[in-house]
C-alpha atoms as a PDB file:
ATOM      1  CA  MET A   1      -0.117  -0.025  -0.070  1.00  0.00           C
ATOM      2  CA  SER A   2       1.491   3.595  -0.880  1.00  0.00           C
ATOM      3  CA  GLU A   3       2.222   5.924   1.885  1.00  0.00           C
ATOM      4  CA  GLY A   4      -0.604   8.215   0.404  1.00  0.00           C
ATOM      5  CA  ARG A   5      -3.435   5.501   0.657  1.00  0.00           C
ATOM      6  CA  HIS A   6      -2.245   4.671   3.957  1.00  0.00           C
ATOM      7  CA  ILE A   7      -2.498   8.374   5.350  1.00  0.00           C
ATOM      8  CA  LEU A   8      -5.996   8.784   3.945  1.00  0.00           C
ATOM      9  CA  GLU A   9      -7.314   5.276   5.452  1.00  0.00           C
ATOM     10  CA  ARG A  10      -6.142   6.539   8.734  1.00  0.00           C
ATOM     11  CA  LEU A  11      -7.825   9.891   8.293  1.00  0.00           C
ATOM     12  CA  GLN A  12     -10.907   8.378   6.969  1.00  0.00           C
ATOM     13  CA  LYS A  13     -11.565   7.118  10.796  1.00  0.00           C
ATOM     14  CA  LEU A  14     -12.053  10.672  11.795  1.00  0.00           C
ATOM     15  CA  ALA A  15     -14.523  11.249   9.065  1.00  0.00           C
ATOM     16  CA  ALA A  16     -16.708   8.169   9.414  1.00  0.00           C
ATOM     17  CA  LYS A  17     -20.002  10.145   9.618  1.00  0.00           C
ATOM     18  CA  ASP A  18     -21.061  13.649   8.918  1.00  0.00           C
ATOM     19  CA  ASN A  19     -21.196  15.743  11.746  1.00  0.00           C
ATOM     20  CA  ARG A  20     -21.133  19.284  10.354  1.00  0.00           C
ATOM     21  CA  PRO A  21     -22.764  22.238  12.151  1.00  0.00           C
ATOM     22  CA  ARG A  22     -25.703  24.285  10.775  1.00  0.00           C
ATOM     23  CA  GLU A  23     -23.549  27.283  10.625  1.00  0.00           C
ATOM     24  CA  LEU A  24     -20.150  27.553  11.744  1.00  0.00           C
ATOM     25  CA  PRO A  25     -19.363  28.905  15.322  1.00  0.00           C
ATOM     26  CA  GLU A  26     -18.539  32.448  15.953  1.00  0.00           C
ATOM     27  CA  GLY A  27     -15.062  33.816  15.815  1.00  0.00           C
ATOM     28  CA  GLY A  28     -13.015  34.931  18.903  1.00  0.00           C
ATOM     29  CA  GLU A  29     -10.671  32.925  20.924  1.00  0.00           C
ATOM     30  CA  ARG A  30     -12.646  29.716  21.729  1.00  0.00           C
ATOM     31  CA  ALA A  31     -10.923  26.515  21.523  1.00  0.00           C
ATOM     32  CA  SER A  32     -10.358  24.726  18.127  1.00  0.00           C
ATOM     33  CA  ALA A  33     -13.439  23.052  16.670  1.00  0.00           C
ATOM     34  CA  LEU A  34     -13.302  19.793  14.512  1.00  0.00           C
ATOM     35  CA  PHE A  35     -16.114  18.737  12.150  1.00  0.00           C
ATOM     36  CA  SER A  36     -16.362  16.009   9.393  1.00  0.00           C
ATOM     37  CA  PHE A  37     -18.266  16.464   6.061  1.00  0.00           C
ATOM     38  CA  VAL A  38     -19.512  13.419   4.423  1.00  0.00           C
ATOM     39  CA  THR A  39     -21.971  13.261   1.448  1.00  0.00           C
ATOM     40  CA  ARG A  40     -22.919  10.778  -1.169  1.00  0.00           C
ATOM     41  CA  GLU A  41     -24.151  13.455  -3.225  1.00  0.00           C
ATOM     42  CA  ARG A  42     -22.560  16.284  -5.272  1.00  0.00           C
ATOM     43  CA  GLU A  43     -23.139  19.560  -3.159  1.00  0.00           C
ATOM     44  CA  ARG A  44     -22.665  23.192  -3.762  1.00  0.00           C
ATOM     45  CA  ILE A  45     -22.338  25.530  -0.779  1.00  0.00           C
ATOM     46  CA  ALA A  46     -22.506  29.001  -1.960  1.00  0.00           C
ATOM     47  CA  GLY A  47     -21.094  32.321   0.168  1.00  0.00           C
ATOM     48  CA  CYS A  48     -18.987  30.227   2.445  1.00  0.00           C
ATOM     49  CA  ALA A  49     -17.369  32.561   4.912  1.00  0.00           C
ATOM     50  CA  PHE A  50     -14.974  31.411   7.545  1.00  0.00           C
ATOM     51  CA  PRO A  51     -14.622  33.795  10.644  1.00  0.00           C
ATOM     52  CA  ARG A  52     -11.342  32.128  11.815  1.00  0.00           C
ATOM     53  CA  ALA A  53      -8.139  30.601  10.329  1.00  0.00           C
ATOM     54  CA  SER A  54      -9.230  27.195   9.223  1.00  0.00           C
ATOM     55  CA  ILE A  55      -8.075  24.017   7.405  1.00  0.00           C
ATOM     56  CA  VAL A  56     -10.148  21.620   5.397  1.00  0.00           C
ATOM     57  CA  VAL A  57      -8.530  18.089   4.617  1.00  0.00           C
ATOM     58  CA  ILE A  58      -9.875  16.388   1.684  1.00  0.00           C
ATOM     59  CA  VAL A  59     -10.030  12.646   2.591  1.00  0.00           C
ATOM     60  CA  GLU A  60     -12.221  11.223  -0.353  1.00  0.00           C
ATOM     61  CA  GLY A  61     -13.539  12.555  -3.235  1.00  0.00           C
ATOM     62  CA  SER A  62     -12.471  16.224  -4.412  1.00  0.00           C
ATOM     63  CA  LYS A  63     -13.500  19.932  -3.790  1.00  0.00           C
ATOM     64  CA  ASP A  64     -13.993  22.714  -6.185  1.00  0.00           C
ATOM     65  CA  VAL A  65     -13.351  25.887  -4.792  1.00  0.00           C
ATOM     66  CA  ILE A  66     -14.596  29.298  -6.488  1.00  0.00           C
ATOM     67  CA  THR A  67     -12.485  31.855  -5.170  1.00  0.00           C
ATOM     68  CA  MET A  68     -10.270  34.917  -6.681  1.00  0.00           C
ATOM     69  CA  GLY A  69     -12.026  34.696  -9.915  1.00  0.00           C
ATOM     70  CA  ARG A  70     -10.999  30.989 -10.563  1.00  0.00           C
ATOM     71  CA  HIS A  71     -12.714  27.790 -10.420  1.00  0.00           C
ATOM     72  CA  LEU A  72     -10.095  25.548  -8.601  1.00  0.00           C
ATOM     73  CA  ARG A  73     -10.353  21.683  -8.126  1.00  0.00           C
ATOM     74  CA  PHE A  74      -8.541  19.755  -5.298  1.00  0.00           C
ATOM     75  CA  ALA A  75      -8.208  16.131  -5.123  1.00  0.00           C
ATOM     76  CA  ALA A  76      -8.313  13.838  -1.892  1.00  0.00           C
ATOM     77  CA  GLY A  77      -4.999  14.135  -0.162  1.00  0.00           C
ATOM     78  CA  THR A  78      -4.735  17.809  -0.252  1.00  0.00           C
ATOM     79  CA  LEU A  79      -5.080  20.394   2.872  1.00  0.00           C
ATOM     80  CA  LEU A  80      -6.535  23.794   2.037  1.00  0.00           C
ATOM     81  CA  ALA A  81      -5.258  26.498   4.477  1.00  0.00           C
ATOM     82  CA  LEU A  82      -7.827  29.424   4.717  1.00  0.00           C
ATOM     83  CA  PRO A  83      -7.208  32.538   6.454  1.00  0.00           C
ATOM     84  CA  ALA A  84      -9.912  34.184   8.820  1.00  0.00           C
ATOM     85  CA  GLY A  85     -12.342  35.967   6.728  1.00  0.00           C
ATOM     86  CA  TRP A  86     -12.051  33.822   3.701  1.00  0.00           C
ATOM     87  CA  GLN A  87     -15.023  33.836   1.499  1.00  0.00           C
ATOM     88  CA  GLY A  88     -15.968  31.784  -1.709  1.00  0.00           C
ATOM     89  CA  ASP A  89     -18.116  28.992  -2.975  1.00  0.00           C
ATOM     90  CA  VAL A  90     -17.313  25.442  -3.057  1.00  0.00           C
ATOM     91  CA  VAL A  91     -18.630  22.208  -4.201  1.00  0.00           C
ATOM     92  CA  ASN A  92     -17.944  18.890  -2.612  1.00  0.00           C
ATOM     93  CA  ASN A  93     -17.757  15.992  -5.177  1.00  0.00           C
ATOM     94  CA  PRO A  94     -17.928  12.250  -4.167  1.00  0.00           C
ATOM     95  CA  ASP A  95     -15.395   9.683  -5.298  1.00  0.00           C
ATOM     96  CA  PRO A  96     -16.527   8.183  -8.609  1.00  0.00           C
ATOM     97  CA  GLU A  97     -15.582   4.813  -7.266  1.00  0.00           C
ATOM     98  CA  THR A  98     -16.857   4.926  -3.600  1.00  0.00           C
ATOM     99  CA  ASP A  99     -19.654   7.402  -4.408  1.00  0.00           C
ATOM    100  CA  VAL A 100     -18.516   9.381  -1.034  1.00  0.00           C
ATOM    101  CA  TYR A 101     -17.009  12.637  -0.224  1.00  0.00           C
ATOM    102  CA  ARG A 102     -15.236  12.976   3.173  1.00  0.00           C
ATOM    103  CA  ALA A 103     -13.335  15.922   4.502  1.00  0.00           C
ATOM    104  CA  ILE A 104     -12.114  17.213   8.021  1.00  0.00           C
ATOM    105  CA  PHE A 105     -12.482  20.720   9.138  1.00  0.00           C
ATOM    106  CA  ILE A 106     -10.584  22.403  11.902  1.00  0.00           C
ATOM    107  CA  ASP A 107     -10.269  26.040  12.936  1.00  0.00           C
ATOM    108  CA  PHE A 108      -7.854  27.986  15.060  1.00  0.00           C
ATOM    109  CA  PRO A 109      -8.137  30.621  17.733  1.00  0.00           C
ATOM    110  CA  ASN A 110      -6.456  34.096  16.548  1.00  0.00           C
ATOM    111  CA  ASP A 111      -3.808  34.094  19.057  1.00  0.00           C
ATOM    112  CA  LEU A 112      -2.550  30.787  18.144  1.00  0.00           C
ATOM    113  CA  VAL A 113      -2.280  31.664  14.552  1.00  0.00           C
ATOM    114  CA  GLY A 114      -0.475  34.871  15.608  1.00  0.00           C
ATOM    115  CA  ARG A 115       2.068  32.858  17.867  1.00  0.00           C
ATOM    116  CA  ALA A 116       2.797  30.616  15.033  1.00  0.00           C
ATOM    117  CA  ALA A 117       3.241  33.271  12.710  1.00  0.00           C
ATOM    118  CA  HIS A 118       5.836  34.911  15.115  1.00  0.00           C
ATOM    119  CA  ALA A 119       7.566  31.621  15.410  1.00  0.00           C
ATOM    120  CA  SER A 120       7.912  30.970  11.496  1.00  0.00           C
ATOM    121  CA  PRO A 121      10.357  32.622   9.295  1.00  0.00           C
ATOM    122  CA  PRO A 122       8.504  35.518   7.586  1.00  0.00           C
ATOM    123  CA  GLN A 123       9.894  34.864   4.053  1.00  0.00           C
ATOM    124  CA  ARG A 124       8.193  31.335   4.410  1.00  0.00           C
ATOM    125  CA  ASN A 125       4.557  32.461   4.836  1.00  0.00           C
ATOM    126  CA  THR A 126       3.841  33.052   1.193  1.00  0.00           C
ATOM    127  CA  GLY A 127      -0.098  32.457   1.749  1.00  0.00           C
ATOM    128  CA  GLN A 128      -0.007  29.249  -0.239  1.00  0.00           C
ATOM    129  CA  LEU A 129      -3.677  27.925  -0.386  1.00  0.00           C
ATOM    130  CA  ASP A 130      -3.060  24.157  -0.822  1.00  0.00           C
ATOM    131  CA  LEU A 131      -0.442  21.546   0.485  1.00  0.00           C
ATOM    132  CA  PRO A 132      -0.063  17.813  -0.384  1.00  0.00           C
ATOM    133  CA  LEU A 133      -0.699  15.715   2.734  1.00  0.00           C
ATOM    134  CA  ASP A 134       2.587  13.554   3.938  1.00  0.00           C
ATOM    135  CA  SER A 135       3.234  11.613   6.950  1.00  0.00           C
ATOM    136  CA  VAL A 136       4.474  14.696   9.092  1.00  0.00           C
ATOM    137  CA  LEU A 137       1.503  16.782   8.502  1.00  0.00           C
ATOM    138  CA  SER A 138      -1.087  14.047   8.513  1.00  0.00           C
ATOM    139  CA  SER A 139       0.175  13.026  11.837  1.00  0.00           C
ATOM    140  CA  ALA A 140      -0.163  16.330  13.388  1.00  0.00           C
ATOM    141  CA  ILE A 141      -3.733  16.701  12.191  1.00  0.00           C
ATOM    142  CA  GLN A 142      -4.518  13.162  13.467  1.00  0.00           C
ATOM    143  CA  HIS A 143      -3.110  13.863  16.844  1.00  0.00           C
ATOM    144  CA  ALA A 144      -4.823  17.014  17.356  1.00  0.00           C
ATOM    145  CA  ALA A 145      -8.140  15.655  15.973  1.00  0.00           C
ATOM    146  CA  GLU A 146      -8.308  12.912  18.266  1.00  0.00           C
ATOM    147  CA  GLY A 147      -7.441  14.969  21.405  1.00  0.00           C
ATOM    148  CA  ILE A 148     -10.189  17.380  20.428  1.00  0.00           C
ATOM    149  CA  ILE A 149     -12.681  14.526  19.855  1.00  0.00           C
ATOM    150  CA  ALA A 150     -11.699  12.871  23.337  1.00  0.00           C
ATOM    151  CA  GLY A 151     -13.278  15.788  25.034  1.00  0.00           C
ATOM    152  CA  ASN A 152     -11.642  15.071  28.329  1.00  0.00           C
ATOM    153  CA  LEU A 153      -7.942  16.402  27.727  1.00  0.00           C
ATOM    154  CA  PRO A 154      -6.804  19.576  29.395  1.00  0.00           C
ATOM    155  CA  ALA A 155      -6.974  22.669  27.263  1.00  0.00           C
ATOM    156  CA  ALA A 156      -3.265  23.415  27.394  1.00  0.00           C
ATOM    157  CA  LEU A 157      -2.753  19.898  25.969  1.00  0.00           C
ATOM    158  CA  ILE A 158      -5.321  20.416  23.038  1.00  0.00           C
ATOM    159  CA  GLU A 159      -3.573  23.906  22.535  1.00  0.00           C
ATOM    160  CA  TYR A 160      -0.253  22.192  22.203  1.00  0.00           C
ATOM    161  CA  ARG A 161      -1.399  19.536  19.587  1.00  0.00           C
ATOM    162  CA  VAL A 162      -3.184  22.347  17.487  1.00  0.00           C
ATOM    163  CA  MET A 163      -0.227  24.490  17.533  1.00  0.00           C
ATOM    164  CA  GLU A 164       1.757  21.422  16.122  1.00  0.00           C
ATOM    165  CA  ILE A 165      -0.235  21.783  12.880  1.00  0.00           C
ATOM    166  CA  LEU A 166       0.143  25.501  12.474  1.00  0.00           C
ATOM    167  CA  MET A 167       4.047  25.213  13.112  1.00  0.00           C
ATOM    168  CA  VAL A 168       4.095  22.396  10.203  1.00  0.00           C
ATOM    169  CA  LEU A 169       1.973  25.103   8.133  1.00  0.00           C
ATOM    170  CA  GLY A 170       4.035  27.887   9.015  1.00  0.00           C
ATOM    171  CA  MET A 171       7.360  25.906   7.965  1.00  0.00           C
ATOM    172  CA  ARG A 172       5.741  25.160   4.546  1.00  0.00           C
ATOM    173  CA  GLY A 173       4.754  28.600   3.609  1.00  0.00           C
ATOM    174  CA  ALA A 174       0.979  27.924   3.962  1.00  0.00           C
ATOM    175  CA  LEU A 175       0.038  29.345   7.405  1.00  0.00           C
ATOM    176  CA  PRO A 176      -3.233  31.067   7.179  1.00  0.00           C
ATOM    177  CA  VAL A 177      -2.000  34.356   8.894  1.00  0.00           C
ATOM    178  CA  GLN A 178      -4.602  37.216   9.671  1.00  0.00           C
ATOM    179  CA  ALA A 179      -4.048  40.648   7.845  1.00  0.00           C
ATOM    180  CA  LYS A 180      -1.949  43.046   9.864  1.00  0.00           C
ATOM    181  CA  THR A 181      -3.296  46.439   8.351  1.00  0.00           C
ATOM    182  CA  THR A 182      -6.730  47.498   7.263  1.00  0.00           C
ATOM    183  CA  SER A 183      -5.404  47.886   3.843  1.00  0.00           C
ATOM    184  CA  ASP A 184      -4.439  44.359   3.805  1.00  0.00           C
ATOM    185  CA  ALA A 185      -7.841  42.910   5.198  1.00  0.00           C
ATOM    186  CA  VAL A 186      -9.521  44.923   2.424  1.00  0.00           C
ATOM    187  CA  ARG A 187      -7.128  43.360  -0.163  1.00  0.00           C
ATOM    188  CA  ALA A 188      -7.946  40.016   1.221  1.00  0.00           C
ATOM    189  CA  LEU A 189     -11.852  40.543   0.969  1.00  0.00           C
ATOM    190  CA  VAL A 190     -11.831  41.640  -2.555  1.00  0.00           C
ATOM    191  CA  ARG A 191      -9.268  38.967  -3.685  1.00  0.00           C
ATOM    192  CA  TRP A 192     -11.389  36.217  -2.397  1.00  0.00           C
ATOM    193  CA  GLN A 193     -14.464  37.535  -4.276  1.00  0.00           C
ATOM    194  CA  PRO A 194     -13.290  40.183  -6.896  1.00  0.00           C
ATOM    195  CA  GLU A 195     -16.401  39.681  -8.983  1.00  0.00           C
ATOM    196  CA  ARG A 196     -18.620  40.991  -6.078  1.00  0.00           C
ATOM    197  CA  ALA A 197     -19.909  44.592  -6.274  1.00  0.00           C
ATOM    198  CA  TRP A 198     -17.932  45.840  -3.141  1.00  0.00           C
ATOM    199  CA  THR A 199     -19.163  49.019  -1.625  1.00  0.00           C
ATOM    200  CA  ALA A 200     -17.720  50.933   1.439  1.00  0.00           C
ATOM    201  CA  ASP A 201     -20.665  49.944   3.487  1.00  0.00           C
ATOM    202  CA  ALA A 202     -20.149  46.019   2.315  1.00  0.00           C
ATOM    203  CA  ILE A 203     -16.466  46.139   3.224  1.00  0.00           C
ATOM    204  CA  ALA A 204     -16.902  47.916   6.518  1.00  0.00           C
ATOM    205  CA  ASP A 205     -19.748  45.416   7.557  1.00  0.00           C
ATOM    206  CA  ALA A 206     -17.339  42.585   6.692  1.00  0.00           C
ATOM    207  CA  LEU A 207     -14.682  43.715   8.727  1.00  0.00           C
ATOM    208  CA  ALA A 208     -17.015  44.651  11.646  1.00  0.00           C
ATOM    209  CA  THR A 209     -16.452  48.306  11.695  1.00  0.00           C
ATOM    210  CA  SER A 210     -18.107  51.409  10.317  1.00  0.00           C
ATOM    211  CA  ASN A 211     -17.856  53.346   6.948  1.00  0.00           C
ATOM    212  CA  ALA A 212     -16.160  56.356   8.604  1.00  0.00           C
ATOM    213  CA  THR A 213     -13.707  54.309  10.697  1.00  0.00           C
ATOM    214  CA  LEU A 214     -12.789  52.341   7.662  1.00  0.00           C
ATOM    215  CA  ARG A 215     -11.967  55.266   5.664  1.00  0.00           C
ATOM    216  CA  ARG A 216     -10.064  56.994   8.212  1.00  0.00           C
ATOM    217  CA  ARG A 217      -7.845  54.188   8.802  1.00  0.00           C
ATOM    218  CA  LEU A 218      -7.122  53.767   5.002  1.00  0.00           C
ATOM    219  CA  ALA A 219      -6.349  57.495   5.018  1.00  0.00           C
ATOM    220  CA  GLY A 220      -4.214  56.844   7.761  1.00  0.00           C
ATOM    221  CA  GLU A 221      -2.432  54.254   5.698  1.00  0.00           C
ATOM    222  CA  ALA A 222      -2.138  56.524   2.674  1.00  0.00           C
ATOM    223  CA  THR A 223      -4.636  54.609   0.519  1.00  0.00           C
ATOM    224  CA  SER A 224      -8.395  54.296  -0.402  1.00  0.00           C
ATOM    225  CA  LEU A 225     -10.836  51.704  -1.383  1.00  0.00           C
ATOM    226  CA  ARG A 226     -10.972  52.718  -4.816  1.00  0.00           C
ATOM    227  CA  VAL A 227      -7.275  52.327  -4.907  1.00  0.00           C
ATOM    228  CA  LEU A 228      -7.088  49.016  -3.150  1.00  0.00           C
ATOM    229  CA  ILE A 229     -10.177  47.274  -5.148  1.00  0.00           C
ATOM    230  CA  ALA A 230      -8.423  48.464  -8.469  1.00  0.00           C
ATOM    231  CA  GLU A 231      -4.967  47.068  -7.369  1.00  0.00           C
ATOM    232  CA  VAL A 232      -6.276  43.836  -6.405  1.00  0.00           C
ATOM    233  CA  ARG A 233      -8.538  43.356  -9.457  1.00  0.00           C
ATOM    234  CA  VAL A 234      -5.791  44.577 -11.937  1.00  0.00           C
ATOM    235  CA  GLY A 235      -3.337  41.922 -10.233  1.00  0.00           C
ATOM    236  CA  LEU A 236      -5.836  38.907 -10.607  1.00  0.00           C
ATOM    237  CA  ALA A 237      -6.536  39.916 -14.270  1.00  0.00           C
ATOM    238  CA  LYS A 238      -2.902  39.926 -15.048  1.00  0.00           C
ATOM    239  CA  ALA A 239      -2.213  36.553 -13.193  1.00  0.00           C
ATOM    240  CA  MET A 240      -5.043  34.926 -15.202  1.00  0.00           C
ATOM    241  CA  LEU A 241      -3.856  36.356 -18.404  1.00  0.00           C
ATOM    242  CA  ALA A 242      -0.386  34.974 -17.869  1.00  0.00           C
ATOM    243  CA  GLU A 243      -1.130  31.809 -15.979  1.00  0.00           C
ATOM    244  CA  ASP A 244      -4.480  30.710 -17.101  1.00  0.00           C
ATOM    245  CA  GLY A 245      -4.396  31.454 -20.692  1.00  0.00           C
ATOM    246  CA  LEU A 246      -7.792  33.409 -20.679  1.00  0.00           C
ATOM    247  CA  SER A 247      -8.396  36.265 -23.141  1.00  0.00           C
ATOM    248  CA  LEU A 248      -8.407  39.866 -22.152  1.00  0.00           C
ATOM    249  CA  ARG A 249     -12.249  39.813 -21.904  1.00  0.00           C
ATOM    250  CA  GLU A 250     -12.307  36.589 -19.801  1.00  0.00           C
ATOM    251  CA  ALA A 251      -9.787  37.679 -17.435  1.00  0.00           C
ATOM    252  CA  ALA A 252     -11.276  41.095 -16.909  1.00  0.00           C
ATOM    253  CA  LEU A 253     -14.706  39.708 -16.171  1.00  0.00           C
ATOM    254  CA  ALA A 254     -13.414  37.067 -13.844  1.00  0.00           C
ATOM    255  CA  ALA A 255     -11.419  39.641 -11.913  1.00  0.00           C
ATOM    256  CA  GLY A 256     -14.552  41.894 -11.288  1.00  0.00           C
ATOM    257  CA  TYR A 257     -14.489  44.458 -14.060  1.00  0.00           C
ATOM    258  CA  ARG A 258     -17.863  44.973 -15.518  1.00  0.00           C
ATOM    259  CA  SER A 259     -16.405  46.465 -18.433  1.00  0.00           C
ATOM    260  CA  PRO A 260     -13.465  44.782 -20.200  1.00  0.00           C
ATOM    261  CA  ARG A 261     -12.805  47.940 -21.985  1.00  0.00           C
ATOM    262  CA  ARG A 262     -12.148  49.676 -18.685  1.00  0.00           C
ATOM    263  CA  PHE A 263      -9.485  46.924 -18.014  1.00  0.00           C
ATOM    264  CA  ALA A 264      -8.037  47.222 -21.361  1.00  0.00           C
ATOM    265  CA  GLU A 265      -7.471  51.097 -20.826  1.00  0.00           C
ATOM    266  CA  ARG A 266      -6.002  50.521 -17.417  1.00  0.00           C
ATOM    267  CA  MET A 267      -3.388  48.082 -18.910  1.00  0.00           C
ATOM    268  CA  ARG A 268      -2.664  50.458 -21.691  1.00  0.00           C
ATOM    269  CA  SER A 269      -2.197  53.361 -19.300  1.00  0.00           C
ATOM    270  CA  GLU A 270       0.380  51.187 -17.104  1.00  0.00           C
ATOM    271  CA  THR A 271       2.232  50.096 -20.033  1.00  0.00           C
ATOM    272  CA  HIS A 272       2.633  53.812 -21.269  1.00  0.00           C
ATOM    273  CA  ARG A 273       3.670  54.851 -17.949  1.00  0.00           C
ATOM    274  CA  ASN A 274       6.261  52.089 -17.653  1.00  0.00           C
ATOM    275  CA  ARG A 275       7.828  53.035 -21.013  1.00  0.00           C
ATOM    276  CA  THR A 276       7.856  56.653 -19.832  1.00  0.00           C
ATOM    277  CA  VAL A 277       9.768  55.731 -16.652  1.00  0.00           C
ATOM    278  CA  ASP A 278      12.231  53.445 -18.790  1.00  0.00           C
ATOM    279  CA  ILE A 279      13.073  56.216 -21.159  1.00  0.00           C
END
């Protein structure tokens, strides 16, 4: 039996049955929660929003994630590391041979993620979304999950086990770190759902603040909503042009531009400005 198959068989025991909550618990500094998602039918869950940093471990089947203007598919044996505030749509696909989809979900207190980030080399935290499972990562997940499920271990011991997962993620550049500035928080919101018609009120509500406070903080960081939204959308569209082979129109629409012409004008403006600087 291959190592990958052995890893998945061990983790399947943690996802023997579906015990997902009707809605995710509120954020804050409560202890880590663990849920298993099991379905025999293809299911789409629209408008997912995770209040805390979380991991989703795909044990059987595959998961489609619609985020950052892209439709991504991840197979069994993949871990997704999602930062606090992540938003998007997901589709859970049962395995074609077993007709079952299984996944494990664990979320983390904000202070633990912060401590792990402080202990991890900054250059390693690249914000990578997915990681392949190996023996080290799967053992850390299983150790923490069994402790959470037991329900009778001291909180300090559970925290130690959960921290082990975060440290492995930190060493591999996939620690789901929280935004440090208001600008970064806005960028993250827009990046996850660039096609959404973001308004100041919608962003303020998502960040649990007021419109006036949001604008004041951004002014203090020498930027604005308009600048940040344009920056993120242009960056995503450029990535899709270069990496996904999309046409200019397709990339512009996927990145949230209602008018591809406006994106084309922005690209021409940047090209002209760069040529002027070179001269």
